[in-house]
Amino acid sequence: MIPAGLSSLLTEMDRIEIRLFALNDCAPEVARAQFKRCCSSSLWIHFMEKARPFAGITELEACADRAWASCSRDDWLEAFAAHPRIGESSGSRWSQQEQSSVAVAASEVLEALAKANRAYEAKFGYTFIVCATGKNADEMLVLLEQRLHNSPEMEIKNAAEQQRLVLQLRLRKLLSE
């Protein structure tokens, strides 16, 4: 933890570097728990924990992308399973922040999201994954309905890319808290 008097003198990059140093230096089980907050793929978490130490945020983000690219479909599905459906509440503060626009959505939009989520899961067998940050409920509904028309092969790639975007945002959150 950064002392209160010092905190006001530090830039955001200073704070990120301090937190990255702590992530590099912590016990393996602590690092794994922190990486799990970003992505629930056991293989991805393992790769990230073993890749430490990271020289900087750019290296951390590049390593995260390489680790994600090396994951299989089963690893992706493991990560997807940890996500709440769009429009459903979650115990995760980050998920709540990412989907905050859904909290103010009209009831008709929420009902349409629930129906489209069920159709998506019936077709593809996993939760619809979208990087929700910066998107409102209507935009996410449109994306969900559009992606329902994809082939299973195309959609797993779309979902994996959306998960990659989410994990990158969450790595930044991890180092910014």
C-alpha atoms as a PDB file:
ATOM      1  CA  MET A   1       0.000   0.000   0.000  1.00  0.00           C
ATOM      2  CA  ILE A   2       1.219   3.492  -0.840  1.00  0.00           C
ATOM      3  CA  PRO A   3       1.315   5.955   2.122  1.00  0.00           C
ATOM      4  CA  ALA A   4      -1.429   8.613   1.821  1.00  0.00           C
ATOM      5  CA  GLY A   5       0.990  11.583   1.755  1.00  0.00           C
ATOM      6  CA  LEU A   6       3.106  10.001  -0.969  1.00  0.00           C
ATOM      7  CA  SER A   7       0.137   8.946  -3.088  1.00  0.00           C
ATOM      8  CA  SER A   8      -0.724  12.522  -4.077  1.00  0.00           C
ATOM      9  CA  LEU A   9       2.822  13.072  -5.372  1.00  0.00           C
ATOM     10  CA  LEU A  10       2.833  10.025  -7.635  1.00  0.00           C
ATOM     11  CA  THR A  11       1.697   9.983 -11.240  1.00  0.00           C
ATOM     12  CA  GLU A  12      -0.601   7.244 -12.509  1.00  0.00           C
ATOM     13  CA  MET A  13       2.407   5.618 -14.202  1.00  0.00           C
ATOM     14  CA  ASP A  14       4.323   5.717 -10.897  1.00  0.00           C
ATOM     15  CA  ARG A  15       1.454   3.880  -9.199  1.00  0.00           C
ATOM     16  CA  ILE A  16       1.266   1.332 -12.037  1.00  0.00           C
ATOM     17  CA  GLU A  17       5.012   0.681 -11.793  1.00  0.00           C
ATOM     18  CA  ILE A  18       4.781   0.200  -8.014  1.00  0.00           C
ATOM     19  CA  ARG A  19       1.897  -2.250  -8.408  1.00  0.00           C
ATOM     20  CA  LEU A  20       3.685  -4.070 -11.235  1.00  0.00           C
ATOM     21  CA  PHE A  21       6.758  -4.421  -9.008  1.00  0.00           C
ATOM     22  CA  ALA A  22       4.515  -5.897  -6.283  1.00  0.00           C
ATOM     23  CA  LEU A  23       2.930  -8.304  -8.791  1.00  0.00           C
ATOM     24  CA  ASN A  24       6.372  -9.368  -9.992  1.00  0.00           C
ATOM     25  CA  ASP A  25       7.612  -9.872  -6.442  1.00  0.00           C
ATOM     26  CA  CYS A  26       4.646 -11.563  -4.740  1.00  0.00           C
ATOM     27  CA  ALA A  27       4.300 -15.257  -3.970  1.00  0.00           C
ATOM     28  CA  PRO A  28       3.177 -17.442  -6.900  1.00  0.00           C
ATOM     29  CA  GLU A  29      -0.221 -18.182  -5.331  1.00  0.00           C
ATOM     30  CA  VAL A  30      -0.861 -14.461  -4.849  1.00  0.00           C
ATOM     31  CA  ALA A  31       0.104 -13.750  -8.460  1.00  0.00           C
ATOM     32  CA  ARG A  32      -2.206 -16.513  -9.677  1.00  0.00           C
ATOM     33  CA  ALA A  33      -5.089 -15.080  -7.645  1.00  0.00           C
ATOM     34  CA  GLN A  34      -4.449 -11.624  -9.106  1.00  0.00           C
ATOM     35  CA  PHE A  35      -4.254 -12.931 -12.685  1.00  0.00           C
ATOM     36  CA  LYS A  36      -7.476 -14.893 -12.127  1.00  0.00           C
ATOM     37  CA  ARG A  37      -9.238 -11.584 -11.530  1.00  0.00           C
ATOM     38  CA  CYS A  38      -8.371 -10.748 -15.154  1.00  0.00           C
ATOM     39  CA  CYS A  39      -9.077 -14.101 -16.817  1.00  0.00           C
ATOM     40  CA  SER A  40     -10.194 -17.459 -15.441  1.00  0.00           C
ATOM     41  CA  SER A  41      -8.356 -19.714 -17.884  1.00  0.00           C
ATOM     42  CA  SER A  42      -6.095 -21.910 -15.733  1.00  0.00           C
ATOM     43  CA  LEU A  43      -3.567 -22.220 -18.545  1.00  0.00           C
ATOM     44  CA  TRP A  44      -3.449 -18.456 -19.126  1.00  0.00           C
ATOM     45  CA  ILE A  45      -3.006 -17.864 -15.387  1.00  0.00           C
ATOM     46  CA  HIS A  46      -0.187 -20.425 -15.290  1.00  0.00           C
ATOM     47  CA  PHE A  47       1.592 -18.810 -18.255  1.00  0.00           C
ATOM     48  CA  MET A  48       1.294 -15.349 -16.725  1.00  0.00           C
ATOM     49  CA  GLU A  49       2.546 -16.425 -13.300  1.00  0.00           C
ATOM     50  CA  LYS A  50       5.547 -18.224 -14.831  1.00  0.00           C
ATOM     51  CA  ALA A  51       6.384 -15.299 -17.161  1.00  0.00           C
ATOM     52  CA  ARG A  52       7.094 -12.920 -14.283  1.00  0.00           C
ATOM     53  CA  PRO A  53       8.891 -10.614 -13.801  1.00  0.00           C
ATOM     54  CA  PHE A  54       7.652  -8.097 -16.348  1.00  0.00           C
ATOM     55  CA  ALA A  55       9.843  -5.108 -17.188  1.00  0.00           C
ATOM     56  CA  GLY A  56       6.844  -2.857 -17.741  1.00  0.00           C
ATOM     57  CA  ILE A  57       3.195  -2.682 -18.642  1.00  0.00           C
ATOM     58  CA  THR A  58       3.912  -3.059 -22.359  1.00  0.00           C
ATOM     59  CA  GLU A  59       5.716  -6.343 -21.728  1.00  0.00           C
ATOM     60  CA  LEU A  60       2.921  -7.507 -19.409  1.00  0.00           C
ATOM     61  CA  GLU A  61       0.267  -6.769 -22.047  1.00  0.00           C
ATOM     62  CA  ALA A  62       2.268  -8.418 -24.843  1.00  0.00           C
ATOM     63  CA  CYS A  63       2.836 -11.507 -22.705  1.00  0.00           C
ATOM     64  CA  ALA A  64      -0.880 -11.641 -21.874  1.00  0.00           C
ATOM     65  CA  ASP A  65      -1.701 -11.620 -25.588  1.00  0.00           C
ATOM     66  CA  ARG A  66       0.849 -14.349 -26.356  1.00  0.00           C
ATOM     67  CA  ALA A  67      -0.441 -16.479 -23.493  1.00  0.00           C
ATOM     68  CA  TRP A  68      -4.044 -16.026 -24.649  1.00  0.00           C
ATOM     69  CA  ALA A  69      -3.126 -16.883 -28.251  1.00  0.00           C
ATOM     70  CA  SER A  70      -1.562 -20.137 -27.041  1.00  0.00           C
ATOM     71  CA  CYS A  71      -4.759 -21.207 -25.302  1.00  0.00           C
ATOM     72  CA  SER A  72      -7.072 -23.812 -26.797  1.00  0.00           C
ATOM     73  CA  ARG A  73     -10.821 -23.715 -27.272  1.00  0.00           C
ATOM     74  CA  ASP A  74     -11.258 -25.498 -23.918  1.00  0.00           C
ATOM     75  CA  ASP A  75      -9.141 -22.848 -22.195  1.00  0.00           C
ATOM     76  CA  TRP A  76     -11.272 -20.125 -23.788  1.00  0.00           C
ATOM     77  CA  LEU A  77     -14.457 -21.845 -22.607  1.00  0.00           C
ATOM     78  CA  GLU A  78     -13.054 -22.029 -19.085  1.00  0.00           C
ATOM     79  CA  ALA A  79     -12.532 -18.263 -19.170  1.00  0.00           C
ATOM     80  CA  PHE A  80     -15.984 -17.601 -20.663  1.00  0.00           C
ATOM     81  CA  ALA A  81     -17.657 -19.631 -17.915  1.00  0.00           C
ATOM     82  CA  ALA A  82     -16.561 -17.098 -15.295  1.00  0.00           C
ATOM     83  CA  HIS A  83     -18.484 -14.256 -16.960  1.00  0.00           C
ATOM     84  CA  PRO A  84     -22.019 -13.291 -16.025  1.00  0.00           C
ATOM     85  CA  ARG A  85     -24.546 -12.976 -18.813  1.00  0.00           C
ATOM     86  CA  ILE A  86     -24.988  -9.471 -20.151  1.00  0.00           C
ATOM     87  CA  GLY A  87     -27.770  -7.938 -18.092  1.00  0.00           C
ATOM     88  CA  GLU A  88     -27.384 -10.249 -15.088  1.00  0.00           C
ATOM     89  CA  SER A  89     -25.901  -9.119 -11.806  1.00  0.00           C
ATOM     90  CA  SER A  90     -22.514 -10.362 -10.729  1.00  0.00           C
ATOM     91  CA  GLY A  91     -20.534 -10.526  -7.519  1.00  0.00           C
ATOM     92  CA  SER A  92     -17.532  -9.161  -9.394  1.00  0.00           C
ATOM     93  CA  ARG A  93     -17.018  -5.415  -8.973  1.00  0.00           C
ATOM     94  CA  TRP A  94     -15.225  -5.294 -12.311  1.00  0.00           C
ATOM     95  CA  SER A  95     -18.077  -7.037 -14.136  1.00  0.00           C
ATOM     96  CA  GLN A  96     -20.528  -4.627 -12.523  1.00  0.00           C
ATOM     97  CA  GLN A  97     -18.427  -1.658 -13.676  1.00  0.00           C
ATOM     98  CA  GLU A  98     -18.070  -3.066 -17.176  1.00  0.00           C
ATOM     99  CA  GLN A  99     -21.819  -3.619 -17.494  1.00  0.00           C
ATOM    100  CA  SER A 100     -22.867  -0.501 -15.584  1.00  0.00           C
ATOM    101  CA  SER A 101     -24.948   0.826 -18.492  1.00  0.00           C
ATOM    102  CA  VAL A 102     -27.213  -2.207 -18.260  1.00  0.00           C
ATOM    103  CA  ALA A 103     -28.330  -1.134 -14.787  1.00  0.00           C
ATOM    104  CA  VAL A 104     -30.174   1.826 -16.324  1.00  0.00           C
ATOM    105  CA  ALA A 105     -31.553  -0.009 -19.353  1.00  0.00           C
ATOM    106  CA  ALA A 106     -35.258  -0.130 -20.086  1.00  0.00           C
ATOM    107  CA  SER A 107     -37.066  -3.299 -19.015  1.00  0.00           C
ATOM    108  CA  GLU A 108     -37.801  -4.159 -22.657  1.00  0.00           C
ATOM    109  CA  VAL A 109     -34.071  -4.110 -23.442  1.00  0.00           C
ATOM    110  CA  LEU A 110     -33.302  -6.268 -20.411  1.00  0.00           C
ATOM    111  CA  GLU A 111     -35.946  -8.789 -21.492  1.00  0.00           C
ATOM    112  CA  ALA A 112     -34.556  -8.809 -25.035  1.00  0.00           C
ATOM    113  CA  LEU A 113     -31.034  -9.329 -23.667  1.00  0.00           C
ATOM    114  CA  ALA A 114     -32.198 -12.253 -21.529  1.00  0.00           C
ATOM    115  CA  LYS A 115     -33.965 -13.850 -24.511  1.00  0.00           C
ATOM    116  CA  ALA A 116     -30.964 -13.307 -26.823  1.00  0.00           C
ATOM    117  CA  ASN A 117     -28.584 -14.651 -24.151  1.00  0.00           C
ATOM    118  CA  ARG A 118     -30.631 -17.865 -23.962  1.00  0.00           C
ATOM    119  CA  ALA A 119     -30.655 -18.196 -27.762  1.00  0.00           C
ATOM    120  CA  TYR A 120     -26.899 -17.597 -27.910  1.00  0.00           C
ATOM    121  CA  GLU A 121     -26.161 -20.208 -25.255  1.00  0.00           C
ATOM    122  CA  ALA A 122     -28.479 -22.717 -26.940  1.00  0.00           C
ATOM    123  CA  LYS A 123     -26.696 -22.207 -30.257  1.00  0.00           C
ATOM    124  CA  PHE A 124     -23.073 -21.945 -29.131  1.00  0.00           C
ATOM    125  CA  GLY A 125     -23.004 -23.618 -25.712  1.00  0.00           C
ATOM    126  CA  TYR A 126     -21.373 -20.789 -23.764  1.00  0.00           C
ATOM    127  CA  THR A 127     -22.079 -17.325 -22.404  1.00  0.00           C
ATOM    128  CA  PHE A 128     -22.042 -14.410 -24.832  1.00  0.00           C
ATOM    129  CA  ILE A 129     -18.754 -12.566 -24.322  1.00  0.00           C
ATOM    130  CA  VAL A 130     -18.409  -8.914 -25.227  1.00  0.00           C
ATOM    131  CA  CYS A 131     -16.065  -6.233 -23.995  1.00  0.00           C
ATOM    132  CA  ALA A 132     -18.897  -4.236 -22.417  1.00  0.00           C
ATOM    133  CA  THR A 133     -16.831  -1.253 -21.294  1.00  0.00           C
ATOM    134  CA  GLY A 134     -18.075   1.862 -23.054  1.00  0.00           C
ATOM    135  CA  LYS A 135     -21.114   0.141 -24.567  1.00  0.00           C
ATOM    136  CA  ASN A 136     -24.696   0.724 -23.555  1.00  0.00           C
ATOM    137  CA  ALA A 137     -27.287  -2.037 -23.239  1.00  0.00           C
ATOM    138  CA  ASP A 138     -28.814  -1.303 -26.654  1.00  0.00           C
ATOM    139  CA  GLU A 139     -25.405  -1.597 -28.344  1.00  0.00           C
ATOM    140  CA  MET A 140     -24.685  -4.888 -26.605  1.00  0.00           C
ATOM    141  CA  LEU A 141     -28.097  -6.226 -27.621  1.00  0.00           C
ATOM    142  CA  VAL A 142     -27.414  -5.335 -31.256  1.00  0.00           C
ATOM    143  CA  LEU A 143     -24.017  -7.059 -31.105  1.00  0.00           C
ATOM    144  CA  LEU A 144     -25.516 -10.132 -29.475  1.00  0.00           C
ATOM    145  CA  GLU A 145     -28.262 -10.379 -32.088  1.00  0.00           C
ATOM    146  CA  GLN A 146     -25.750  -9.895 -34.925  1.00  0.00           C
ATOM    147  CA  ARG A 147     -23.390 -12.528 -33.580  1.00  0.00           C
ATOM    148  CA  LEU A 148     -26.227 -15.052 -33.292  1.00  0.00           C
ATOM    149  CA  HIS A 149     -25.984 -15.337 -37.090  1.00  0.00           C
ATOM    150  CA  ASN A 150     -22.320 -16.407 -37.006  1.00  0.00           C
ATOM    151  CA  SER A 151     -21.103 -19.925 -37.561  1.00  0.00           C
ATOM    152  CA  PRO A 152     -19.781 -21.721 -34.458  1.00  0.00           C
ATOM    153  CA  GLU A 153     -16.224 -21.494 -35.873  1.00  0.00           C
ATOM    154  CA  MET A 154     -16.470 -17.747 -36.434  1.00  0.00           C
ATOM    155  CA  GLU A 155     -18.186 -17.069 -33.133  1.00  0.00           C
ATOM    156  CA  ILE A 156     -15.652 -18.849 -30.926  1.00  0.00           C
ATOM    157  CA  LYS A 157     -12.986 -16.616 -32.496  1.00  0.00           C
ATOM    158  CA  ASN A 158     -15.111 -13.502 -31.900  1.00  0.00           C
ATOM    159  CA  ALA A 159     -15.733 -14.495 -28.292  1.00  0.00           C
ATOM    160  CA  ALA A 160     -12.030 -15.233 -27.733  1.00  0.00           C
ATOM    161  CA  GLU A 161     -11.089 -11.807 -29.116  1.00  0.00           C
ATOM    162  CA  GLN A 162     -13.637 -10.122 -26.863  1.00  0.00           C
ATOM    163  CA  GLN A 163     -12.220 -12.047 -23.884  1.00  0.00           C
ATOM    164  CA  ARG A 164      -8.727 -10.868 -24.870  1.00  0.00           C
ATOM    165  CA  LEU A 165      -9.955  -7.258 -24.823  1.00  0.00           C
ATOM    166  CA  VAL A 166     -11.571  -7.796 -21.413  1.00  0.00           C
ATOM    167  CA  LEU A 167      -8.424  -9.312 -19.925  1.00  0.00           C
ATOM    168  CA  GLN A 168      -6.317  -6.431 -21.241  1.00  0.00           C
ATOM    169  CA  LEU A 169      -8.670  -3.901 -19.614  1.00  0.00           C
ATOM    170  CA  ARG A 170      -8.610  -5.880 -16.403  1.00  0.00           C
ATOM    171  CA  LEU A 171      -4.816  -6.005 -16.341  1.00  0.00           C
ATOM    172  CA  ARG A 172      -4.883  -2.200 -16.422  1.00  0.00           C
ATOM    173  CA  LYS A 173      -7.450  -2.181 -13.609  1.00  0.00           C
ATOM    174  CA  LEU A 174      -5.313  -4.597 -11.613  1.00  0.00           C
ATOM    175  CA  LEU A 175      -2.382  -2.213 -11.810  1.00  0.00           C
ATOM    176  CA  SER A 176      -4.495   0.910 -11.273  1.00  0.00           C
ATOM    177  CA  GLU A 177      -6.308  -0.025  -8.075  1.00  0.00           C
END
